[in-house]
Amino acid sequence: RKRERKRERKKEKRRERERKKKASFSHRHQRRKMGWFGRGGDEASSSSTSSAASSSSSSAASSRKAEAAAVALQAALENAVDAATMRLVVPLQRRALLCAAACCDSSATRLQLDACCQACTHPVQGAEAAVAASVGAWQRGFSAALENCQRQAGTDDLSSGARLDACVLAAAARFRDSVPQLGKTIAEAVPKAVAMAREHHEMQVRQQKN
């Protein structure tokens, strides 16, 4: 009986959530209708109905274009990062593994082995940090552009969705054009980061000796 009561309570909660969703949707829809038809008159209503249907179709098409642009942009970003990683980071990882293997042969104690292996991995850590920082800066720029699109689009009328999609499409095209420059930025940042990582490690070794 307790289980049955629990099931009934769960069902009742689900039904209540569905009722709230329907009521919320109906309210939003009514508000949109009032704003759209608020210009007055049956002729305006008839004309607006036709325009709304056309706008809805156009909005759906622009939404699909925006989604496709986002997918293409993500693919371009991943390809650029993969290419930079394979060209700049993977060779360092190979050297680090060979270096760590040599440490196993040359170290007399566990402490020596740990210190030797850490020295091997510092360049890789620096390179990976440089890639992450460059990609993160690019992504923050794109996120800021999307937020700006949302502010410009507004939410008070039926055309806001179309404006948002158009703005997103423009931003996606702009940032897709900047992907090659991101690859160049990574290529410039990685050697600097590797050199700084090595200098930092050497400084730590000197401090430990002193």
C-alpha atoms as a PDB file:
ATOM      1  CA  ARG A   1       0.000   0.000   0.000  1.00  0.00           C
ATOM      2  CA  LYS A   2       2.841   2.390   0.834  1.00  0.00           C
ATOM      3  CA  ARG A   3       4.399   1.719  -2.552  1.00  0.00           C
ATOM      4  CA  GLU A   4       1.093   2.332  -4.280  1.00  0.00           C
ATOM      5  CA  ARG A   5       0.694   5.638  -2.414  1.00  0.00           C
ATOM      6  CA  LYS A   6       4.206   6.667  -3.451  1.00  0.00           C
ATOM      7  CA  ARG A   7       3.451   5.807  -7.059  1.00  0.00           C
ATOM      8  CA  GLU A   8       0.238   7.835  -6.919  1.00  0.00           C
ATOM      9  CA  ARG A   9       2.062  10.818  -5.418  1.00  0.00           C
ATOM     10  CA  LYS A  10       4.722  10.635  -8.131  1.00  0.00           C
ATOM     11  CA  LYS A  11       2.062  10.446 -10.841  1.00  0.00           C
ATOM     12  CA  GLU A  12       0.248  13.425  -9.335  1.00  0.00           C
ATOM     13  CA  LYS A  13       3.485  15.455  -9.270  1.00  0.00           C
ATOM     14  CA  ARG A  14       4.164  14.609 -12.906  1.00  0.00           C
ATOM     15  CA  ARG A  15       0.630  15.637 -13.892  1.00  0.00           C
ATOM     16  CA  GLU A  16       1.037  18.895 -11.970  1.00  0.00           C
ATOM     17  CA  ARG A  17       4.324  19.661 -13.758  1.00  0.00           C
ATOM     18  CA  GLU A  18       2.676  19.003 -17.122  1.00  0.00           C
ATOM     19  CA  ARG A  19      -0.216  21.317 -16.257  1.00  0.00           C
ATOM     20  CA  LYS A  20       2.208  24.079 -15.272  1.00  0.00           C
ATOM     21  CA  LYS A  21       4.179  23.652 -18.510  1.00  0.00           C
ATOM     22  CA  LYS A  22       1.016  23.868 -20.596  1.00  0.00           C
ATOM     23  CA  ALA A  23      -0.174  26.914 -18.685  1.00  0.00           C
ATOM     24  CA  SER A  24       3.204  28.617 -19.087  1.00  0.00           C
ATOM     25  CA  PHE A  25       3.286  27.900 -22.823  1.00  0.00           C
ATOM     26  CA  SER A  26      -0.263  29.174 -23.243  1.00  0.00           C
ATOM     27  CA  HIS A  27       0.593  32.376 -21.377  1.00  0.00           C
ATOM     28  CA  ARG A  28       3.706  33.042 -23.472  1.00  0.00           C
ATOM     29  CA  HIS A  29       1.817  32.318 -26.661  1.00  0.00           C
ATOM     30  CA  GLN A  30      -1.020  34.667 -25.666  1.00  0.00           C
ATOM     31  CA  ARG A  31       1.459  37.445 -24.842  1.00  0.00           C
ATOM     32  CA  ARG A  32       3.105  37.046 -28.245  1.00  0.00           C
ATOM     33  CA  LYS A  33      -0.319  37.154 -29.951  1.00  0.00           C
ATOM     34  CA  MET A  34      -1.308  40.299 -28.078  1.00  0.00           C
ATOM     35  CA  GLY A  35       1.917  42.023 -29.051  1.00  0.00           C
ATOM     36  CA  TRP A  36       1.638  40.893 -32.669  1.00  0.00           C
ATOM     37  CA  PHE A  37      -2.040  41.673 -33.188  1.00  0.00           C
ATOM     38  CA  GLY A  38      -2.032  44.785 -31.019  1.00  0.00           C
ATOM     39  CA  ARG A  39      -1.996  47.087 -34.039  1.00  0.00           C
ATOM     40  CA  GLY A  40      -5.811  46.715 -34.152  1.00  0.00           C
ATOM     41  CA  GLY A  41      -8.509  45.646 -36.610  1.00  0.00           C
ATOM     42  CA  ASP A  42      -9.479  42.385 -38.256  1.00  0.00           C
ATOM     43  CA  GLU A  43      -7.461  43.277 -41.345  1.00  0.00           C
ATOM     44  CA  ALA A  44      -4.362  43.723 -39.254  1.00  0.00           C
ATOM     45  CA  SER A  45      -5.053  40.386 -37.571  1.00  0.00           C
ATOM     46  CA  SER A  46      -5.463  38.598 -40.897  1.00  0.00           C
ATOM     47  CA  SER A  47      -2.357  40.196 -42.353  1.00  0.00           C
ATOM     48  CA  SER A  48      -0.387  39.523 -39.185  1.00  0.00           C
ATOM     49  CA  THR A  49      -1.457  35.880 -39.148  1.00  0.00           C
ATOM     50  CA  SER A  50      -0.055  35.416 -42.638  1.00  0.00           C
ATOM     51  CA  SER A  51       3.089  37.321 -41.727  1.00  0.00           C
ATOM     52  CA  ALA A  52       3.499  35.285 -38.542  1.00  0.00           C
ATOM     53  CA  ALA A  53       3.293  32.026 -40.474  1.00  0.00           C
ATOM     54  CA  SER A  54       5.875  33.283 -42.965  1.00  0.00           C
ATOM     55  CA  SER A  55       8.060  34.567 -40.133  1.00  0.00           C
ATOM     56  CA  SER A  56       7.822  31.224 -38.362  1.00  0.00           C
ATOM     57  CA  SER A  57       8.976  29.362 -41.475  1.00  0.00           C
ATOM     58  CA  SER A  58      11.784  31.844 -42.047  1.00  0.00           C
ATOM     59  CA  SER A  59      12.796  31.669 -38.390  1.00  0.00           C
ATOM     60  CA  ALA A  60      12.988  27.871 -38.520  1.00  0.00           C
ATOM     61  CA  ALA A  61      15.200  28.054 -41.617  1.00  0.00           C
ATOM     62  CA  SER A  62      17.492  30.633 -40.022  1.00  0.00           C
ATOM     63  CA  SER A  63      17.683  28.536 -36.855  1.00  0.00           C
ATOM     64  CA  ARG A  64      18.799  25.531 -38.895  1.00  0.00           C
ATOM     65  CA  LYS A  65      21.419  27.684 -40.605  1.00  0.00           C
ATOM     66  CA  ALA A  66      22.660  28.942 -37.230  1.00  0.00           C
ATOM     67  CA  GLU A  67      22.905  25.389 -35.895  1.00  0.00           C
ATOM     68  CA  ALA A  68      24.765  24.241 -39.009  1.00  0.00           C
ATOM     69  CA  ALA A  69      27.140  27.191 -38.695  1.00  0.00           C
ATOM     70  CA  ALA A  70      27.811  26.294 -35.043  1.00  0.00           C
ATOM     71  CA  VAL A  71      28.579  22.686 -35.982  1.00  0.00           C
ATOM     72  CA  ALA A  72      30.907  23.799 -38.790  1.00  0.00           C
ATOM     73  CA  LEU A  73      32.653  26.238 -36.467  1.00  0.00           C
ATOM     74  CA  GLN A  74      33.177  23.558 -33.812  1.00  0.00           C
ATOM     75  CA  ALA A  75      34.614  21.195 -36.436  1.00  0.00           C
ATOM     76  CA  ALA A  76      36.978  23.893 -37.726  1.00  0.00           C
ATOM     77  CA  LEU A  77      38.145  24.637 -34.182  1.00  0.00           C
ATOM     78  CA  GLU A  78      38.744  20.966 -33.366  1.00  0.00           C
ATOM     79  CA  ASN A  79      40.654  20.438 -36.613  1.00  0.00           C
ATOM     80  CA  ALA A  80      42.879  23.445 -35.929  1.00  0.00           C
ATOM     81  CA  VAL A  81      43.608  22.383 -32.359  1.00  0.00           C
ATOM     82  CA  ASP A  82      44.268  18.778 -33.400  1.00  0.00           C
ATOM     83  CA  ALA A  83      46.664  19.923 -36.120  1.00  0.00           C
ATOM     84  CA  ALA A  84      48.528  22.209 -33.732  1.00  0.00           C
ATOM     85  CA  THR A  85      48.695  19.494 -31.075  1.00  0.00           C
ATOM     86  CA  MET A  86      50.041  16.877 -33.468  1.00  0.00           C
ATOM     87  CA  ARG A  87      52.621  19.306 -34.864  1.00  0.00           C
ATOM     88  CA  LEU A  88      53.770  20.999 -31.655  1.00  0.00           C
ATOM     89  CA  VAL A  89      52.820  18.962 -28.584  1.00  0.00           C
ATOM     90  CA  VAL A  90      53.084  15.321 -29.653  1.00  0.00           C
ATOM     91  CA  PRO A  91      56.816  15.574 -30.518  1.00  0.00           C
ATOM     92  CA  LEU A  92      57.405  16.965 -27.031  1.00  0.00           C
ATOM     93  CA  GLN A  93      55.407  14.093 -25.550  1.00  0.00           C
ATOM     94  CA  ARG A  94      57.573  11.616 -27.467  1.00  0.00           C
ATOM     95  CA  ARG A  95      60.739  13.243 -26.136  1.00  0.00           C
ATOM     96  CA  ALA A  96      59.313  13.233 -22.629  1.00  0.00           C
ATOM     97  CA  LEU A  97      58.592   9.487 -22.808  1.00  0.00           C
ATOM     98  CA  LEU A  98      62.070   8.715 -24.123  1.00  0.00           C
ATOM     99  CA  CYS A  99      63.540  10.999 -21.492  1.00  0.00           C
ATOM    100  CA  ALA A 100      61.575   9.239 -18.730  1.00  0.00           C
ATOM    101  CA  ALA A 101      62.773   5.863 -20.008  1.00  0.00           C
ATOM    102  CA  ALA A 102      66.369   7.099 -19.813  1.00  0.00           C
ATOM    103  CA  CYS A 103      65.705   8.293 -16.256  1.00  0.00           C
ATOM    104  CA  CYS A 104      64.874   4.720 -15.291  1.00  0.00           C
ATOM    105  CA  ASP A 105      68.351   3.659 -16.398  1.00  0.00           C
ATOM    106  CA  SER A 106      70.310   6.587 -14.996  1.00  0.00           C
ATOM    107  CA  SER A 107      68.660   7.148 -11.594  1.00  0.00           C
ATOM    108  CA  ALA A 108      70.106   5.487  -8.514  1.00  0.00           C
ATOM    109  CA  THR A 109      67.276   6.368  -6.106  1.00  0.00           C
ATOM    110  CA  ARG A 110      63.546   6.946  -6.246  1.00  0.00           C
ATOM    111  CA  LEU A 111      64.010  10.640  -5.523  1.00  0.00           C
ATOM    112  CA  GLN A 112      66.451  10.959  -8.411  1.00  0.00           C
ATOM    113  CA  LEU A 113      64.011   9.127 -10.680  1.00  0.00           C
ATOM    114  CA  ASP A 114      61.119  11.414  -9.714  1.00  0.00           C
ATOM    115  CA  ALA A 115      63.196  14.543 -10.229  1.00  0.00           C
ATOM    116  CA  CYS A 116      64.453  13.290 -13.570  1.00  0.00           C
ATOM    117  CA  CYS A 117      60.955  12.416 -14.827  1.00  0.00           C
ATOM    118  CA  GLN A 118      59.577  15.768 -13.700  1.00  0.00           C
ATOM    119  CA  ALA A 119      62.286  17.517 -15.690  1.00  0.00           C
ATOM    120  CA  CYS A 120      61.231  15.477 -18.718  1.00  0.00           C
ATOM    121  CA  THR A 121      57.569  16.490 -18.475  1.00  0.00           C
ATOM    122  CA  HIS A 122      57.958  20.239 -17.891  1.00  0.00           C
ATOM    123  CA  PRO A 123      58.134  21.117 -21.616  1.00  0.00           C
ATOM    124  CA  VAL A 124      54.981  19.107 -22.316  1.00  0.00           C
ATOM    125  CA  GLN A 125      53.108  20.760 -19.481  1.00  0.00           C
ATOM    126  CA  GLY A 126      54.121  24.188 -20.741  1.00  0.00           C
ATOM    127  CA  ALA A 127      53.005  23.371 -24.291  1.00  0.00           C
ATOM    128  CA  GLU A 128      49.653  21.975 -23.195  1.00  0.00           C
ATOM    129  CA  ALA A 129      49.036  25.035 -21.003  1.00  0.00           C
ATOM    130  CA  ALA A 130      49.794  27.322 -23.965  1.00  0.00           C
ATOM    131  CA  VAL A 131      47.343  25.480 -26.212  1.00  0.00           C
ATOM    132  CA  ALA A 132      44.633  25.555 -23.528  1.00  0.00           C
ATOM    133  CA  ALA A 133      45.165  29.280 -22.888  1.00  0.00           C
ATOM    134  CA  SER A 134      45.005  30.181 -26.594  1.00  0.00           C
ATOM    135  CA  VAL A 135      41.858  28.123 -27.202  1.00  0.00           C
ATOM    136  CA  GLY A 136      40.273  29.447 -24.007  1.00  0.00           C
ATOM    137  CA  ALA A 137      40.824  33.058 -25.100  1.00  0.00           C
ATOM    138  CA  TRP A 138      39.267  32.304 -28.496  1.00  0.00           C
ATOM    139  CA  GLN A 139      36.257  30.602 -26.894  1.00  0.00           C
ATOM    140  CA  ARG A 140      35.733  33.494 -24.471  1.00  0.00           C
ATOM    141  CA  GLY A 141      35.712  35.874 -27.419  1.00  0.00           C
ATOM    142  CA  PHE A 142      33.080  33.807 -29.194  1.00  0.00           C
ATOM    143  CA  SER A 143      30.972  33.525 -26.030  1.00  0.00           C
ATOM    144  CA  ALA A 144      31.112  37.311 -25.636  1.00  0.00           C
ATOM    145  CA  ALA A 145      29.945  37.699 -29.247  1.00  0.00           C
ATOM    146  CA  LEU A 146      26.983  35.376 -28.592  1.00  0.00           C
ATOM    147  CA  GLU A 147      26.027  37.275 -25.460  1.00  0.00           C
ATOM    148  CA  ASN A 148      26.126  40.488 -27.464  1.00  0.00           C
ATOM    149  CA  CYS A 149      23.808  38.869 -30.027  1.00  0.00           C
ATOM    150  CA  GLN A 150      21.337  37.988 -27.282  1.00  0.00           C
ATOM    151  CA  ARG A 151      21.372  41.554 -25.966  1.00  0.00           C
ATOM    152  CA  GLN A 152      20.845  43.008 -29.438  1.00  0.00           C
ATOM    153  CA  ALA A 153      18.075  40.565 -30.344  1.00  0.00           C
ATOM    154  CA  GLY A 154      15.881  41.342 -27.359  1.00  0.00           C
ATOM    155  CA  THR A 155      12.889  39.208 -26.363  1.00  0.00           C
ATOM    156  CA  ASP A 156       9.838  41.454 -26.853  1.00  0.00           C
ATOM    157  CA  ASP A 157       8.595  40.446 -30.307  1.00  0.00           C
ATOM    158  CA  LEU A 158       8.409  37.552 -32.724  1.00  0.00           C
ATOM    159  CA  SER A 159      11.315  38.839 -34.811  1.00  0.00           C
ATOM    160  CA  SER A 160      13.807  38.532 -31.943  1.00  0.00           C
ATOM    161  CA  GLY A 161      14.569  34.922 -32.847  1.00  0.00           C
ATOM    162  CA  ALA A 162      15.357  35.847 -36.448  1.00  0.00           C
ATOM    163  CA  ARG A 163      17.596  38.700 -35.313  1.00  0.00           C
ATOM    164  CA  LEU A 164      19.401  36.395 -32.925  1.00  0.00           C
ATOM    165  CA  ASP A 165      19.968  33.749 -35.612  1.00  0.00           C
ATOM    166  CA  ALA A 166      21.264  36.361 -38.056  1.00  0.00           C
ATOM    167  CA  CYS A 167      23.667  37.742 -35.468  1.00  0.00           C
ATOM    168  CA  VAL A 168      24.875  34.250 -34.527  1.00  0.00           C
ATOM    169  CA  LEU A 169      25.449  33.406 -38.193  1.00  0.00           C
ATOM    170  CA  ALA A 170      27.551  36.546 -38.634  1.00  0.00           C
ATOM    171  CA  ALA A 171      29.534  35.846 -35.461  1.00  0.00           C
ATOM    172  CA  ALA A 172      30.134  32.213 -36.461  1.00  0.00           C
ATOM    173  CA  ALA A 173      31.390  33.297 -39.898  1.00  0.00           C
ATOM    174  CA  ARG A 174      33.657  35.901 -38.337  1.00  0.00           C
ATOM    175  CA  PHE A 175      35.169  33.502 -35.822  1.00  0.00           C
ATOM    176  CA  ARG A 176      35.499  30.738 -38.377  1.00  0.00           C
ATOM    177  CA  ASP A 177      37.640  33.104 -40.432  1.00  0.00           C
ATOM    178  CA  SER A 178      39.760  33.651 -37.316  1.00  0.00           C
ATOM    179  CA  VAL A 179      40.502  29.936 -36.790  1.00  0.00           C
ATOM    180  CA  PRO A 180      43.669  30.008 -38.972  1.00  0.00           C
ATOM    181  CA  GLN A 181      44.928  32.909 -36.888  1.00  0.00           C
ATOM    182  CA  LEU A 182      44.257  30.832 -33.773  1.00  0.00           C
ATOM    183  CA  GLY A 183      46.566  28.150 -35.198  1.00  0.00           C
ATOM    184  CA  LYS A 184      49.276  30.788 -35.684  1.00  0.00           C
ATOM    185  CA  THR A 185      48.728  32.060 -32.151  1.00  0.00           C
ATOM    186  CA  ILE A 186      49.198  28.559 -30.756  1.00  0.00           C
ATOM    187  CA  ALA A 187      52.327  28.044 -32.891  1.00  0.00           C
ATOM    188  CA  GLU A 188      53.818  31.230 -31.442  1.00  0.00           C
ATOM    189  CA  ALA A 189      52.745  30.566 -27.864  1.00  0.00           C
ATOM    190  CA  VAL A 190      53.973  26.967 -27.503  1.00  0.00           C
ATOM    191  CA  PRO A 191      57.759  27.564 -27.938  1.00  0.00           C
ATOM    192  CA  LYS A 192      57.604  30.511 -25.531  1.00  0.00           C
ATOM    193  CA  ALA A 193      55.715  28.438 -22.962  1.00  0.00           C
ATOM    194  CA  VAL A 194      58.180  25.552 -23.315  1.00  0.00           C
ATOM    195  CA  ALA A 195      61.152  27.877 -22.786  1.00  0.00           C
ATOM    196  CA  MET A 196      59.496  29.436 -19.725  1.00  0.00           C
ATOM    197  CA  ALA A 197      58.715  25.982 -18.291  1.00  0.00           C
ATOM    198  CA  ARG A 198      62.331  24.924 -18.688  1.00  0.00           C
ATOM    199  CA  GLU A 199      63.609  28.124 -17.111  1.00  0.00           C
ATOM    200  CA  HIS A 200      61.204  27.693 -14.209  1.00  0.00           C
ATOM    201  CA  HIS A 201      62.341  24.120 -13.654  1.00  0.00           C
ATOM    202  CA  GLU A 202      66.018  25.071 -13.810  1.00  0.00           C
ATOM    203  CA  MET A 203      65.422  27.830 -11.274  1.00  0.00           C
ATOM    204  CA  GLN A 204      63.706  25.345  -8.958  1.00  0.00           C
ATOM    205  CA  VAL A 205      66.672  22.961  -9.263  1.00  0.00           C
ATOM    206  CA  ARG A 206      69.134  25.755  -8.417  1.00  0.00           C
ATOM    207  CA  GLN A 207      67.081  26.777  -5.408  1.00  0.00           C
ATOM    208  CA  GLN A 208      67.000  23.201  -4.138  1.00  0.00           C
ATOM    209  CA  LYS A 209      70.762  22.893  -4.478  1.00  0.00           C
ATOM    210  CA  ASN A 210      71.312  26.145  -2.594  1.00  0.00           C
END
